[in-house]
Amino acid sequence: MKVTYYGHSCFGVEVCGKRLLFDPFISPNPKAAHINIDTVEADYILVTHGHADHIHDCVAIGKRTGAKVIANYEVYLWLMKQGIENGHPMNMGGSCVFDDIKIKCVVAVHSSSMPDGSYGGNPVGFLIESKEGNFYYAGDTALTYDMKLIGDYKTIDFAFLPIGNNFTMSIDNAIIASDFIRCDRIIGMHYDTFGAIMIDQHEAMQKFGNAGKDLFLMTIGEEKMY
């Protein structure tokens, strides 16, 4: 699977010939100024919750590409009002298969409201299963014991975990989360975009290494095979 990093918590993942785009927040991020959102392709856009730093470019990319936008029911309804026509609502615990890719909504402990302040429902994470492998995209979340269920029942090849603290898990909690999901290959997200979530990258890498795990901190625009 090829992973492309677009900054903050936005990643593209190519799996089974399809392009999945997670939490599209690119154009307002000065650190991603070299990324032209008109060149970002997607067959599916997966949105974990309604906060602007996860949904800002969803409508623009969704309309241009015609991608199917997958989100919780409340976020889905809001996006339909913004002109998204190809959407699919889901909610925690539910799963659906799209083009041989199984997408399951799992628990995320956070908050959710839309950019206009309207209700955004409950945040979610996504568990992706395919013949090419499985991965977990946690979204914005605190450490939660529910993560252990993922590790108990699924084999995870790699996982996207927030590590910026303040609004989500810290580095130390992300290491515990990786234990819960039984996955030692972690891609960090939701860090260094703005002041409240700045981290010491060297310290983060060292802590994961001391725990016998690999932490990947990708450069914006970087593509990597996992």
Protein backbone atom coordinates (compact mmCIF):
# COMPACT_ATOMS: atom_id res chain seq x y z
CA MET A 1 0.00 0.00 0.00
CA LYS A 2 1.27 3.44 -0.90
CA VAL A 3 0.78 6.21 1.66
CA THR A 4 1.00 9.91 0.78
CA TYR A 5 1.15 12.57 3.49
CA TYR A 6 -0.63 15.87 2.90
CA GLY A 7 -0.01 17.38 6.33
CA HIS A 8 -1.66 17.40 9.78
CA SER A 9 -3.89 14.28 9.76
CA CYS A 10 -4.51 14.09 6.03
CA PHE A 11 -3.20 11.01 4.26
CA GLY A 12 -3.88 9.29 0.99
CA VAL A 13 -3.65 5.49 0.87
CA GLU A 14 -3.69 3.49 -2.36
CA VAL A 15 -5.09 0.02 -1.73
CA CYS A 16 -6.54 -2.52 -4.15
CA GLY A 17 -6.30 0.02 -6.96
CA LYS A 18 -8.41 2.58 -5.11
CA ARG A 19 -7.37 5.87 -3.54
CA LEU A 20 -8.56 6.55 -0.01
CA LEU A 21 -8.18 10.09 1.35
CA PHE A 22 -8.48 10.68 5.09
CA ASP A 23 -9.52 13.93 6.81
CA PRO A 24 -8.72 16.43 4.04
CA PHE A 25 -7.24 19.57 5.62
CA ILE A 26 -4.58 20.95 3.28
CA SER A 27 -5.18 24.43 1.88
CA PRO A 28 -5.35 26.32 5.24
CA ASN A 29 -2.14 24.66 6.47
CA PRO A 30 0.86 26.91 5.73
CA LYS A 31 3.18 23.90 6.09
CA ALA A 32 1.37 22.29 3.14
CA ALA A 33 1.45 25.39 0.93
CA HIS A 34 3.30 23.43 -1.77
CA ILE A 35 0.40 20.98 -2.10
CA ASN A 36 -2.15 21.94 -4.77
CA ILE A 37 -5.48 20.44 -3.71
CA ASP A 38 -6.56 20.38 -7.36
CA THR A 39 -4.01 17.61 -7.91
CA VAL A 40 -5.16 15.47 -4.97
CA GLU A 41 -7.09 12.47 -6.24
CA ALA A 42 -9.51 10.25 -4.36
CA ASP A 43 -12.02 7.48 -4.98
CA TYR A 44 -13.14 7.58 -1.35
CA ILE A 45 -12.88 10.34 1.24
CA LEU A 46 -13.12 9.22 4.86
CA VAL A 47 -13.93 11.85 7.48
CA THR A 48 -13.53 11.06 11.19
CA HIS A 49 -15.35 14.11 12.60
CA GLY A 50 -16.53 17.60 11.80
CA HIS A 51 -13.74 19.85 13.04
CA ALA A 52 -12.39 22.22 10.40
CA ASP A 53 -8.86 20.82 10.65
CA HIS A 54 -10.19 17.50 9.35
CA ILE A 55 -12.86 18.52 6.85
CA HIS A 56 -11.89 21.87 5.33
CA ASP A 57 -11.07 20.63 1.81
CA CYS A 58 -13.57 17.77 1.74
CA VAL A 59 -16.23 19.55 -0.30
CA ALA A 60 -13.81 20.95 -2.88
CA ILE A 61 -11.99 17.65 -3.42
CA GLY A 62 -15.20 15.62 -3.22
CA LYS A 63 -16.98 17.68 -5.86
CA ARG A 64 -14.00 17.69 -8.23
CA THR A 65 -13.19 13.99 -7.99
CA GLY A 66 -16.68 12.60 -7.47
CA ALA A 67 -15.26 10.51 -4.62
CA LYS A 68 -17.65 8.74 -2.31
CA VAL A 69 -17.50 10.56 1.02
CA ILE A 70 -17.83 8.33 4.10
CA ALA A 71 -18.58 9.87 7.47
CA ASN A 72 -20.86 9.56 10.46
CA TYR A 73 -24.52 10.37 9.82
CA GLU A 74 -24.42 13.95 11.10
CA VAL A 75 -21.28 14.87 9.15
CA TYR A 76 -22.77 13.17 6.08
CA LEU A 77 -25.96 15.28 6.34
CA TRP A 78 -23.92 18.48 6.67
CA LEU A 79 -21.81 17.60 3.64
CA MET A 80 -24.92 16.90 1.57
CA LYS A 81 -26.07 20.45 2.35
CA GLN A 82 -22.72 21.73 1.07
CA GLY A 83 -23.29 20.08 -2.30
CA ILE A 84 -21.67 16.66 -1.89
CA GLU A 85 -23.84 14.24 -3.87
CA ASN A 86 -21.89 10.98 -3.53
CA GLY A 87 -21.94 10.19 0.18
CA HIS A 88 -22.35 7.20 2.45
CA PRO A 89 -23.33 7.57 6.13
CA MET A 90 -21.97 5.21 8.77
CA ASN A 91 -21.73 5.06 12.54
CA MET A 92 -19.72 3.38 15.27
CA GLY A 93 -19.61 -0.39 15.08
CA GLY A 94 -20.87 -0.50 11.51
CA SER A 95 -18.93 -1.75 8.51
CA CYS A 96 -19.40 -1.79 4.76
CA VAL A 97 -17.47 -3.21 1.81
CA PHE A 98 -16.55 -0.93 -1.09
CA ASP A 99 -14.60 -2.37 -4.04
CA ASP A 100 -13.29 -5.28 -1.93
CA ILE A 101 -12.18 -2.90 0.81
CA LYS A 102 -13.92 -3.33 4.15
CA ILE A 103 -14.33 -0.13 6.14
CA LYS A 104 -15.39 -0.33 9.77
CA CYS A 105 -16.13 2.58 12.09
CA VAL A 106 -14.56 2.22 15.53
CA VAL A 107 -14.58 4.24 18.73
CA ALA A 108 -12.74 7.56 18.95
CA VAL A 109 -12.86 9.57 22.17
CA HIS A 110 -12.94 13.22 21.15
CA SER A 111 -15.55 15.87 20.26
CA SER A 112 -17.17 16.83 16.99
CA SER A 113 -18.84 19.95 15.66
CA MET A 114 -19.07 21.33 12.16
CA PRO A 115 -17.26 24.47 10.93
CA ASP A 116 -20.49 26.46 11.29
CA GLY A 117 -20.94 25.25 14.89
CA SER A 118 -23.71 22.75 14.16
CA TYR A 119 -23.80 19.30 15.72
CA GLY A 120 -21.21 16.88 14.32
CA GLY A 121 -22.27 13.62 15.96
CA ASN A 122 -19.78 11.23 17.51
CA PRO A 123 -16.21 11.08 16.16
CA VAL A 124 -14.98 7.77 14.77
CA GLY A 125 -11.83 6.00 13.71
CA PHE A 126 -11.59 3.65 10.73
CA LEU A 127 -10.36 0.07 10.46
CA ILE A 128 -9.51 -0.81 6.86
CA GLU A 129 -9.29 -4.46 5.78
CA SER A 130 -8.29 -5.70 2.33
CA LYS A 131 -6.45 -8.52 0.57
CA GLU A 132 -3.39 -6.22 0.51
CA GLY A 133 -3.40 -5.81 4.29
CA ASN A 134 -5.11 -4.08 7.18
CA PHE A 135 -4.56 -0.72 8.80
CA TYR A 136 -6.11 1.46 11.49
CA TYR A 137 -6.70 5.18 11.15
CA ALA A 138 -7.47 6.41 14.67
CA GLY A 139 -8.58 9.95 13.90
CA ASP A 140 -8.50 12.39 16.79
CA THR A 141 -8.78 10.38 19.97
CA ALA A 142 -7.66 9.89 23.51
CA LEU A 143 -6.19 6.59 24.57
CA THR A 144 -9.10 4.21 25.10
CA TYR A 145 -9.27 0.59 26.18
CA ASP A 146 -11.59 -0.08 23.24
CA MET A 147 -8.46 -0.08 21.08
CA LYS A 148 -7.55 -3.38 22.65
CA LEU A 149 -10.49 -5.00 20.85
CA ILE A 150 -8.85 -4.19 17.53
CA GLY A 151 -5.65 -5.96 18.54
CA ASP A 152 -7.57 -8.90 19.99
CA TYR A 153 -9.50 -9.63 16.81
CA LYS A 154 -7.54 -8.21 13.85
CA THR A 155 -4.00 -8.24 12.52
CA ILE A 156 -2.91 -4.67 11.86
CA ASP A 157 -0.04 -4.04 9.44
CA PHE A 158 0.36 -0.36 10.31
CA ALA A 159 -1.59 2.35 12.10
CA PHE A 160 -2.05 6.11 12.00
CA LEU A 161 -2.08 7.49 15.55
CA PRO A 162 -2.26 11.09 16.80
CA ILE A 163 0.76 12.06 18.89
CA GLY A 164 0.46 15.82 19.41
CA ASN A 165 -1.04 15.77 22.92
CA ASN A 166 -3.26 18.66 24.15
CA PHE A 167 -6.24 17.73 21.92
CA THR A 168 -5.45 14.02 21.47
CA MET A 169 -3.16 11.28 22.74
CA SER A 170 0.39 12.09 23.73
CA ILE A 171 3.45 10.22 22.52
CA ASP A 172 3.47 8.08 25.67
CA ASN A 173 -0.22 7.23 25.29
CA ALA A 174 0.27 6.42 21.61
CA ILE A 175 2.87 3.84 22.60
CA ILE A 176 0.31 2.23 24.90
CA ALA A 177 -2.26 2.38 22.09
CA SER A 178 0.17 0.55 19.80
CA ASP A 179 0.42 -2.16 22.46
CA PHE A 180 -3.37 -2.41 22.60
CA ILE A 181 -3.71 -2.82 18.82
CA ARG A 182 -0.61 -5.08 18.70
CA CYS A 183 1.00 -3.03 15.96
CA ASP A 184 4.61 -1.85 16.04
CA ARG A 185 4.58 0.22 12.82
CA ILE A 186 3.04 3.58 13.62
CA ILE A 187 2.61 6.64 11.40
CA GLY A 188 2.34 9.76 13.51
CA MET A 189 -0.27 12.45 12.83
CA HIS A 190 -1.90 15.53 14.35
CA TYR A 191 1.35 17.11 15.52
CA ASP A 192 3.42 20.25 14.76
CA THR A 193 0.72 21.95 12.67
CA PHE A 194 0.24 24.74 15.22
CA GLY A 195 1.62 25.74 18.59
CA ALA A 196 -0.59 23.69 20.90
CA ILE A 197 0.48 20.39 19.34
CA MET A 198 4.21 20.89 18.81
CA ILE A 199 6.37 17.89 19.75
CA ASP A 200 10.04 17.01 20.08
CA GLN A 201 10.36 14.68 17.08
CA HIS A 202 13.69 13.26 18.17
CA GLU A 203 12.28 12.41 21.60
CA ALA A 204 9.20 10.83 20.02
CA MET A 205 11.30 8.61 17.75
CA GLN A 206 13.52 7.65 20.66
CA LYS A 207 10.61 6.72 22.91
CA PHE A 208 9.05 4.51 20.26
CA GLY A 209 12.40 2.94 19.52
CA ASN A 210 12.99 2.21 23.20
CA ALA A 211 9.63 0.43 23.20
CA GLY A 212 10.73 -1.73 20.26
CA LYS A 213 8.47 0.07 17.78
CA ASP A 214 8.89 2.07 14.58
CA LEU A 215 7.48 5.59 14.48
CA PHE A 216 7.31 7.14 11.02
CA LEU A 217 7.07 10.94 10.86
CA MET A 218 6.49 11.64 7.19
CA THR A 219 7.41 14.82 5.35
CA ILE A 220 4.48 16.65 3.77
CA GLY A 221 4.25 15.48 0.18
CA GLU A 222 6.23 12.30 0.87
CA GLU A 223 5.08 8.97 -0.55
CA LYS A 224 6.04 5.71 1.12
CA MET A 225 5.17 2.05 0.69
CA TYR A 226 3.96 0.16 3.76
